[in-house]
Protein backbone atom coordinates (compact mmCIF):
# COMPACT_ATOMS: atom_id res chain seq x y z
CA UNK A 1 83.78 174.98 112.59
CA UNK A 2 87.41 173.98 111.83
CA UNK A 3 89.03 170.70 110.51
CA UNK A 4 92.08 169.16 111.57
CA UNK A 5 94.27 167.86 109.11
CA UNK A 6 95.51 164.18 109.73
CA UNK A 7 99.07 163.49 109.47
CA UNK A 8 98.49 161.04 106.57
CA UNK A 9 96.32 163.74 104.33
CA UNK A 10 98.99 166.47 105.07
CA UNK A 11 102.00 164.05 104.00
CA UNK A 12 99.77 163.34 100.89
CA UNK A 13 99.61 166.88 99.97
CA UNK A 14 103.04 167.59 100.53
CA UNK A 15 104.37 166.12 97.46
CA UNK A 16 107.16 167.30 94.86
CA UNK A 17 106.44 170.76 93.69
CA UNK A 18 107.99 172.78 90.77
CA UNK A 19 111.60 173.73 90.70
CA UNK A 20 112.44 176.61 92.41
CA UNK A 21 112.92 179.72 90.14
CA UNK A 22 116.52 180.65 89.41
CA UNK A 23 116.28 183.99 90.96
CA UNK A 24 115.79 182.14 94.22
CA UNK A 25 118.85 179.75 93.99
CA UNK A 26 121.74 181.38 95.82
CA UNK A 27 123.98 178.72 97.25
CA UNK A 28 124.10 175.11 97.41
CA UNK A 29 122.86 173.01 100.44
CA UNK A 30 125.44 173.20 103.30
CA UNK A 31 125.79 176.07 106.03
CA UNK A 32 126.40 179.76 106.25
CA UNK A 33 126.70 182.41 108.95
CA UNK A 34 126.01 185.39 106.68
CA UNK A 35 123.49 187.53 107.68
CA UNK A 36 121.09 187.52 104.82
CA UNK A 37 122.48 184.99 102.11
CA UNK A 38 120.39 181.77 102.03
CA UNK A 39 121.55 178.52 101.27
CA UNK A 40 119.10 175.76 99.57
CA UNK A 41 117.97 172.30 99.56
CA UNK A 42 115.36 171.51 96.94
CA UNK A 43 112.62 174.19 96.93
CA UNK A 44 113.61 175.49 100.32
CA UNK A 45 115.67 178.27 101.14
CA UNK A 46 116.98 178.70 104.66
CA UNK A 47 118.77 181.86 105.64
CA UNK A 48 119.67 183.66 109.22
CA UNK A 49 117.84 186.94 108.65
CA UNK A 50 120.07 188.35 111.16
CA UNK A 51 118.23 191.80 110.53
CA UNK A 52 118.82 193.08 114.19
CA UNK A 53 122.20 191.81 114.50
CA UNK A 54 124.67 193.52 117.05
CA UNK A 55 128.41 193.33 117.63
CA UNK A 56 129.70 190.25 119.40
CA UNK A 57 126.60 188.04 118.52
CA UNK A 58 126.40 185.42 115.74
CA UNK A 59 123.71 183.24 114.06
CA UNK A 60 124.69 180.08 111.59
CA UNK A 61 122.10 178.15 109.76
CA UNK A 62 122.89 174.61 108.36
CA UNK A 63 121.02 172.05 106.13
CA UNK A 64 121.43 168.48 107.00
CA UNK A 65 120.12 165.47 108.40
CA UNK A 66 117.26 163.10 107.59
CA UNK A 67 113.78 164.80 107.54
CA UNK A 68 111.27 163.66 109.86
CA UNK A 69 108.64 163.44 107.27
CA UNK A 70 107.81 163.35 103.62
CA UNK A 71 108.65 166.25 101.40
CA UNK A 72 110.25 168.37 104.21
CA UNK A 73 113.67 169.75 104.96
CA UNK A 74 115.77 169.36 108.08
CA UNK A 75 117.92 172.28 109.15
CA UNK A 76 119.30 173.89 112.38
CA UNK A 77 120.51 177.03 113.79
CA UNK A 78 123.13 177.76 116.24
CA UNK A 79 123.01 181.05 117.68
CA UNK A 80 124.62 183.47 120.40
CA UNK A 81 122.82 186.49 121.25
CA UNK A 82 123.06 189.22 124.07
CA UNK A 83 121.80 192.59 124.41
CA UNK A 84 118.40 193.68 125.20
CA UNK A 85 116.01 190.82 125.55
CA UNK A 86 113.09 192.27 123.76
CA UNK A 87 114.72 193.12 120.92
CA UNK A 88 115.02 190.62 118.28
CA UNK A 89 118.48 189.88 116.81
CA UNK A 90 117.95 187.23 113.91
CA UNK A 91 114.81 185.25 112.50
CA UNK A 92 116.49 181.85 111.01
CA UNK A 93 113.94 180.56 108.95
CA UNK A 94 113.00 178.45 105.90
CA UNK A 95 110.57 179.09 103.12
CA UNK A 96 109.70 177.52 99.69
CA UNK A 97 108.79 180.33 97.59
CA UNK A 98 107.66 177.97 94.61
CA UNK A 99 105.06 176.18 96.97
CA UNK A 100 103.53 179.51 98.20
CA UNK A 101 103.40 181.80 95.25
CA UNK A 102 102.37 185.39 95.55
CA UNK A 103 98.58 185.55 94.88
CA UNK A 104 95.51 186.70 96.56
CA UNK A 105 94.36 185.12 99.89
CA UNK A 106 90.85 184.11 98.36
CA UNK A 107 92.75 181.96 95.50
CA UNK A 108 94.29 179.80 98.08
CA UNK A 109 92.12 176.89 99.04
CA UNK A 110 94.32 174.88 101.59
CA UNK A 111 97.85 175.44 102.93
CA UNK A 112 99.10 172.18 104.79
CA UNK A 113 102.11 172.46 106.70
CA UNK A 114 104.39 170.42 109.14
CA UNK A 115 106.75 171.86 111.49
CA UNK A 116 108.86 169.87 113.80
CA UNK A 117 111.30 171.60 116.06
CA UNK A 118 113.12 171.50 119.25
CA UNK A 119 115.50 173.99 121.11
CA UNK A 120 118.59 173.01 123.31
CA UNK A 121 118.39 175.86 126.03
CA UNK A 122 115.73 177.28 128.19
CA UNK A 123 117.83 180.45 128.88
CA UNK A 124 116.29 182.05 125.64
CA UNK A 125 114.11 184.89 124.62
CA UNK A 126 112.05 184.56 121.50
CA UNK A 127 109.45 182.50 119.81
CA UNK A 128 109.20 179.81 117.17
CA UNK A 129 106.66 181.04 114.53
CA UNK A 130 105.19 181.38 110.84
CA UNK A 131 105.81 184.86 109.59
CA UNK A 132 103.85 186.08 106.47
CA UNK A 133 103.43 189.50 105.00
CA UNK A 134 100.22 190.76 102.90
CA UNK A 135 100.29 193.36 100.42
CA UNK A 136 98.36 194.63 97.26
CA UNK A 137 100.99 193.85 94.80
CA UNK A 138 103.59 190.99 94.66
CA UNK A 139 106.65 193.47 94.60
CA UNK A 140 106.00 196.16 97.14
CA UNK A 141 108.56 198.73 98.52
CA UNK A 142 110.99 197.24 101.03
CA UNK A 143 109.35 196.62 104.48
CA UNK A 144 106.09 198.64 103.80
CA UNK A 145 103.82 196.06 104.33
CA UNK A 146 99.87 196.21 104.94
CA UNK A 147 99.65 193.34 107.40
CA UNK A 148 102.36 191.00 108.99
CA UNK A 149 100.56 187.66 110.25
CA UNK A 150 102.52 185.39 112.81
CA UNK A 151 101.63 182.16 114.18
CA UNK A 152 103.47 181.41 117.36
CA UNK A 153 104.00 177.79 117.99
CA UNK A 154 106.02 178.59 121.16
CA UNK A 155 106.54 181.58 123.24
CA UNK A 156 110.57 181.27 124.50
CA UNK A 157 111.17 183.29 127.57
CA UNK A 158 109.12 186.16 128.36
CA UNK A 159 109.02 187.73 124.76
CA UNK A 160 105.51 189.46 124.22
CA UNK A 161 103.85 189.72 120.73
CA UNK A 162 103.29 193.20 119.38
CA UNK A 163 99.97 194.94 120.63
CA UNK A 164 97.17 193.91 122.78
CA UNK A 165 95.43 190.61 123.25
CA UNK A 166 92.00 191.19 121.55
CA UNK A 167 90.55 187.38 121.31
CA UNK A 168 91.01 184.31 123.65
CA UNK A 169 90.36 180.58 122.86
CA UNK A 170 90.33 180.64 119.28
CA UNK A 171 90.08 176.93 117.89
CA UNK A 172 92.07 176.55 114.94
CA UNK A 173 94.24 173.84 113.18
CA UNK A 174 93.64 171.51 116.42
CA UNK A 175 94.84 174.19 118.76
CA UNK A 176 93.79 176.90 120.87
CA UNK A 177 95.22 180.30 120.53
CA UNK A 178 95.10 183.81 121.52
CA UNK A 179 95.03 186.82 119.05
CA UNK A 180 97.06 189.75 119.29
CA UNK A 181 96.88 193.01 117.22
CA UNK A 182 99.12 196.15 117.01
CA UNK A 183 101.42 198.03 115.02
CA UNK A 184 105.14 197.70 114.17
CA UNK A 185 106.13 201.24 115.19
CA UNK A 186 109.29 200.69 112.95
CA UNK A 187 107.57 199.93 109.81
CA UNK A 188 103.82 200.87 110.48
CA UNK A 189 102.70 197.61 109.62
CA UNK A 190 99.88 196.14 111.40
CA UNK A 191 100.46 193.01 112.93
CA UNK A 192 98.38 190.01 113.83
CA UNK A 193 100.07 187.45 116.01
CA UNK A 194 98.02 183.93 117.11
CA UNK A 195 100.02 182.58 120.17
CA UNK A 196 99.61 178.59 121.07
CA UNK A 197 98.24 178.18 124.48
CA UNK A 198 99.74 174.68 124.48
CA UNK A 199 102.38 174.81 127.60
CA UNK A 200 105.67 174.43 126.47
CA UNK A 201 104.60 175.20 122.78
CA UNK A 202 103.67 173.23 119.87
CA UNK A 203 106.68 171.06 118.90
CA UNK A 204 105.19 168.89 116.23
CA UNK A 205 102.94 171.15 114.18
CA UNK A 206 100.88 169.97 111.22
CA UNK A 207 97.98 171.66 110.23
CA UNK A 208 96.49 173.95 107.54
CA UNK A 209 97.76 177.39 107.70
CA UNK A 210 94.58 178.81 105.81
CA UNK A 211 92.54 178.51 108.96
CA UNK A 212 94.36 181.21 110.09
CA UNK A 213 94.02 183.76 107.20
CA UNK A 214 90.38 182.77 106.81
CA UNK A 215 89.69 183.82 110.35
CA UNK A 216 91.12 187.10 109.79
CA UNK A 217 89.37 187.87 106.62
CA UNK A 218 86.09 186.56 108.31
CA UNK A 219 86.63 188.21 111.63
CA UNK A 220 88.95 191.00 111.59
CA UNK A 221 88.32 192.84 108.22
CA UNK A 222 91.21 191.73 106.49
CA UNK A 223 90.94 192.32 102.49
CA UNK A 224 90.84 188.55 101.24
CA UNK A 225 92.07 189.99 97.84
CA UNK A 226 95.55 191.03 99.39
CA UNK A 227 98.40 189.17 98.17
CA UNK A 228 100.67 186.79 100.59
CA UNK A 229 104.15 187.73 99.48
CA UNK A 230 106.24 185.88 102.06
CA UNK A 231 105.77 182.86 104.00
CA UNK A 232 108.51 181.58 106.32
CA UNK A 233 108.87 179.49 109.50
CA UNK A 234 111.63 179.96 112.09
CA UNK A 235 112.71 181.13 115.27
CA UNK A 236 113.14 184.73 116.55
CA UNK A 237 116.02 185.14 118.91
CA UNK A 238 116.12 187.85 121.38
CA UNK A 239 118.80 186.69 123.42
CA UNK A 240 120.38 183.27 124.14
CA UNK A 241 122.96 180.96 123.19
CA UNK A 242 122.24 177.38 121.71
CA UNK A 243 120.74 175.59 118.83
CA UNK A 244 117.49 175.70 117.28
CA UNK A 245 117.03 172.35 115.44
CA UNK A 246 114.08 171.64 112.87
CA UNK A 247 113.87 167.89 112.20
CA UNK A 248 111.22 168.47 109.53
CA UNK A 249 109.70 171.57 107.95
CA UNK A 250 107.27 171.30 104.86
CA UNK A 251 104.39 173.31 103.03
CA UNK A 252 102.22 173.24 100.22
CA UNK A 253 99.06 175.05 98.71
CA UNK A 254 96.29 174.60 96.68
């Protein structure tokens, strides 16, 4: 059984939170084309995360515009990447560290989120996704994670999730999903990817993200005592030129 959150209850949950710890404040709201340095708006950080950047390409993020809902942030990414289509160049994303603190999965009750987005081009290979990492400790070494959990709201072009398809027609957060499982050969991290079955993707997502983690702890053997060390939302870009626009992204937790 699952329960879909209404937009009213979700917005009620997305209330103002604590101030962001100073270590997460990098730069005032604005724009940047730097590879990793984030910019901030309230509790939200936005960054290019161009970890796979190649010469001749670029990704720039900008915070601005009136958010489409409640306690959310509006931001965008302009990008121009070539090279191998299946090789991700950047994952421009937003996160709110103070709203999803590092703690065990079994200490979270709910994690409501809103993610309203659009992309200006159809000639793109990538995905629009939430991306989270699970570890025994909050400050683990670099990219050595136990699990990566992705929730693909859309598959852009022909990009494939890591691993093989292991489940069909999973009903979570009011939508149907397939589940893929595999290992990131570069990091050794085991990856679970929920991929939305909606044609064209879910461009206005609203739901409780804990439904996905609870599913993994119930049916896939994921330890509920593992800590969520990162929760981000954005677009992985392999190749393409255009703009990824987020009219409203918000997240909270109890």
